[in-house]
Amino acid sequence: MKELSIGTHLSVAKGYAALAKDAVQIGANTFQLFIRNPRRARAKELKPGEIETFLDILQKHGWS
């Protein structure tokens, strides 16, 4: 039987790494990431080290 993908809308207000941590906490096995609001041209600013932390979480949970 094919594994069911389960995720939800999560906020990037606290940063991308926090979004990935929230996905892990709720037991999601997938998520979709929007790097900016489609109604605005501006993307959320990245904090130093945030991408590395985000990518580490993705790799640890098989979301590469």
N, C-alpha and C. Protein backbone atom coordinates (compact mmCIF):
# COMPACT_ATOMS: atom_id res chain seq x y z
N MET A 1 0.84 -1.17 0.00
CA MET A 1 0.00 0.00 0.00
C MET A 1 0.89 1.24 0.00
N LYS A 2 0.54 2.22 -0.80
CA LYS A 2 1.29 3.47 -0.90
C LYS A 2 1.13 4.29 0.38
N GLU A 3 2.25 4.87 0.85
CA GLU A 3 2.20 5.72 2.04
C GLU A 3 1.43 6.99 1.74
N LEU A 4 0.57 7.38 2.66
CA LEU A 4 -0.21 8.60 2.53
C LEU A 4 0.62 9.79 3.00
N SER A 5 0.66 10.83 2.19
CA SER A 5 1.38 12.05 2.57
C SER A 5 0.45 12.93 3.40
N ILE A 6 0.93 13.30 4.59
CA ILE A 6 0.11 14.12 5.49
C ILE A 6 0.90 15.36 5.89
N GLY A 7 0.32 16.51 5.67
CA GLY A 7 0.95 17.78 6.04
C GLY A 7 -0.15 18.81 6.27
N THR A 8 0.24 20.03 6.53
CA THR A 8 -0.71 21.10 6.78
C THR A 8 -0.05 22.43 6.47
N HIS A 9 -0.82 23.49 6.49
CA HIS A 9 -0.27 24.83 6.30
C HIS A 9 0.44 25.23 7.59
N LEU A 10 1.71 25.59 7.46
CA LEU A 10 2.49 26.04 8.61
C LEU A 10 3.07 27.41 8.31
N SER A 11 3.25 28.20 9.33
CA SER A 11 3.73 29.57 9.18
C SER A 11 5.26 29.63 9.09
N VAL A 12 5.76 30.57 8.29
CA VAL A 12 7.20 30.84 8.25
C VAL A 12 7.53 32.09 9.08
N ALA A 13 6.59 32.57 9.86
CA ALA A 13 6.79 33.79 10.65
C ALA A 13 8.01 33.70 11.57
N LYS A 14 8.28 32.51 12.10
CA LYS A 14 9.43 32.32 12.99
C LYS A 14 10.66 31.84 12.24
N GLY A 15 10.56 31.72 10.92
CA GLY A 15 11.70 31.29 10.12
C GLY A 15 11.48 29.91 9.51
N TYR A 16 12.31 29.60 8.52
CA TYR A 16 12.17 28.34 7.80
C TYR A 16 12.56 27.13 8.65
N ALA A 17 13.57 27.28 9.48
CA ALA A 17 13.97 26.18 10.36
C ALA A 17 12.84 25.87 11.35
N ALA A 18 12.19 26.90 11.87
CA ALA A 18 11.07 26.69 12.80
C ALA A 18 9.92 25.99 12.10
N LEU A 19 9.69 26.32 10.84
CA LEU A 19 8.64 25.65 10.07
C LEU A 19 8.93 24.15 9.98
N ALA A 20 10.17 23.78 9.67
CA ALA A 20 10.53 22.37 9.57
C ALA A 20 10.38 21.67 10.93
N LYS A 21 10.79 22.35 12.00
CA LYS A 21 10.64 21.78 13.34
C LYS A 21 9.17 21.58 13.69
N ASP A 22 8.33 22.53 13.31
CA ASP A 22 6.89 22.40 13.56
C ASP A 22 6.31 21.21 12.81
N ALA A 23 6.76 20.99 11.58
CA ALA A 23 6.29 19.85 10.78
C ALA A 23 6.66 18.54 11.47
N VAL A 24 7.88 18.46 12.00
CA VAL A 24 8.31 17.27 12.73
C VAL A 24 7.44 17.07 13.97
N GLN A 25 7.20 18.15 14.69
CA GLN A 25 6.45 18.09 15.95
C GLN A 25 5.02 17.58 15.75
N ILE A 26 4.38 17.94 14.64
CA ILE A 26 3.00 17.49 14.42
C ILE A 26 2.93 16.13 13.73
N GLY A 27 4.10 15.57 13.40
CA GLY A 27 4.12 14.25 12.79
C GLY A 27 3.89 14.25 11.29
N ALA A 28 4.08 15.39 10.65
CA ALA A 28 3.91 15.47 9.19
C ALA A 28 5.02 14.67 8.51
N ASN A 29 4.70 14.07 7.38
CA ASN A 29 5.74 13.38 6.62
C ASN A 29 6.03 14.11 5.31
N THR A 30 5.43 15.28 5.16
CA THR A 30 5.69 16.14 4.00
C THR A 30 5.23 17.55 4.32
N PHE A 31 5.72 18.52 3.57
CA PHE A 31 5.18 19.87 3.65
C PHE A 31 5.52 20.61 2.37
N GLN A 32 4.76 21.64 2.09
CA GLN A 32 4.99 22.48 0.93
C GLN A 32 5.44 23.84 1.45
N LEU A 33 6.45 24.39 0.83
CA LEU A 33 7.04 25.63 1.31
C LEU A 33 6.85 26.73 0.28
N PHE A 34 6.24 27.82 0.70
CA PHE A 34 6.11 29.01 -0.14
C PHE A 34 7.10 30.03 0.40
N ILE A 35 8.06 30.44 -0.42
CA ILE A 35 9.10 31.35 0.07
C ILE A 35 8.65 32.80 0.12
N ARG A 36 7.50 33.07 -0.46
CA ARG A 36 6.94 34.42 -0.36
C ARG A 36 5.43 34.35 -0.54
N ASN A 37 4.75 35.34 -0.03
CA ASN A 37 3.32 35.47 -0.21
C ASN A 37 3.07 35.80 -1.68
N PRO A 38 2.22 35.06 -2.38
CA PRO A 38 1.99 35.34 -3.80
C PRO A 38 1.39 36.72 -4.08
N ARG A 39 0.86 37.36 -3.06
CA ARG A 39 0.28 38.69 -3.24
C ARG A 39 1.30 39.80 -3.02
N ARG A 40 2.51 39.44 -2.65
CA ARG A 40 3.58 40.42 -2.42
C ARG A 40 4.82 39.98 -3.20
N ALA A 41 5.68 40.91 -3.47
CA ALA A 41 6.91 40.59 -4.18
C ALA A 41 8.05 40.24 -3.22
N ARG A 42 7.86 40.54 -1.95
CA ARG A 42 8.93 40.42 -0.96
C ARG A 42 8.94 39.03 -0.31
N ALA A 43 10.11 38.41 -0.25
CA ALA A 43 10.28 37.13 0.44
C ALA A 43 10.77 37.40 1.87
N LYS A 44 10.56 36.43 2.76
CA LYS A 44 11.01 36.56 4.14
C LYS A 44 12.54 36.57 4.18
N GLU A 45 13.10 37.46 5.00
CA GLU A 45 14.55 37.52 5.16
C GLU A 45 15.06 36.27 5.86
N LEU A 46 16.25 35.83 5.45
CA LEU A 46 16.88 34.67 6.05
C LEU A 46 17.84 35.11 7.14
N LYS A 47 17.82 34.41 8.26
CA LYS A 47 18.75 34.68 9.35
C LYS A 47 20.02 33.86 9.11
N PRO A 48 21.17 34.33 9.60
CA PRO A 48 22.41 33.57 9.42
C PRO A 48 22.28 32.15 10.00
N GLY A 49 22.70 31.17 9.22
CA GLY A 49 22.66 29.78 9.66
C GLY A 49 21.32 29.10 9.50
N GLU A 50 20.29 29.86 9.14
CA GLU A 50 18.94 29.29 9.07
C GLU A 50 18.81 28.23 7.98
N ILE A 51 19.41 28.48 6.82
CA ILE A 51 19.32 27.51 5.73
C ILE A 51 20.00 26.20 6.11
N GLU A 52 21.17 26.29 6.75
CA GLU A 52 21.87 25.09 7.17
C GLU A 52 21.04 24.28 8.15
N THR A 53 20.43 24.94 9.12
CA THR A 53 19.57 24.26 10.09
C THR A 53 18.37 23.63 9.40
N PHE A 54 17.74 24.38 8.50
CA PHE A 54 16.60 23.89 7.74
C PHE A 54 16.98 22.64 6.94
N LEU A 55 18.10 22.70 6.23
CA LEU A 55 18.54 21.55 5.42
C LEU A 55 18.91 20.35 6.29
N ASP A 56 19.50 20.59 7.46
CA ASP A 56 19.81 19.50 8.39
C ASP A 56 18.55 18.77 8.83
N ILE A 57 17.50 19.53 9.14
CA ILE A 57 16.23 18.93 9.56
C ILE A 57 15.63 18.13 8.41
N LEU A 58 15.68 18.68 7.20
CA LEU A 58 15.15 17.97 6.03
C LEU A 58 15.87 16.64 5.84
N GLN A 59 17.18 16.68 5.90
CA GLN A 59 17.96 15.46 5.69
C GLN A 59 17.69 14.43 6.79
N LYS A 60 17.65 14.88 8.03
CA LYS A 60 17.43 13.99 9.17
C LYS A 60 16.11 13.24 9.05
N HIS A 61 15.10 13.88 8.48
CA HIS A 61 13.77 13.28 8.39
C HIS A 61 13.42 12.77 7.00
N GLY A 62 14.42 12.71 6.12
CA GLY A 62 14.21 12.14 4.80
C GLY A 62 13.41 13.00 3.85
N TRP A 63 13.43 14.30 4.06
CA TRP A 63 12.68 15.23 3.21
C TRP A 63 13.62 15.94 2.24
N SER A 64 14.52 15.23 1.63
CA SER A 64 15.48 15.91 0.74
C SER A 64 14.99 15.99 -0.68
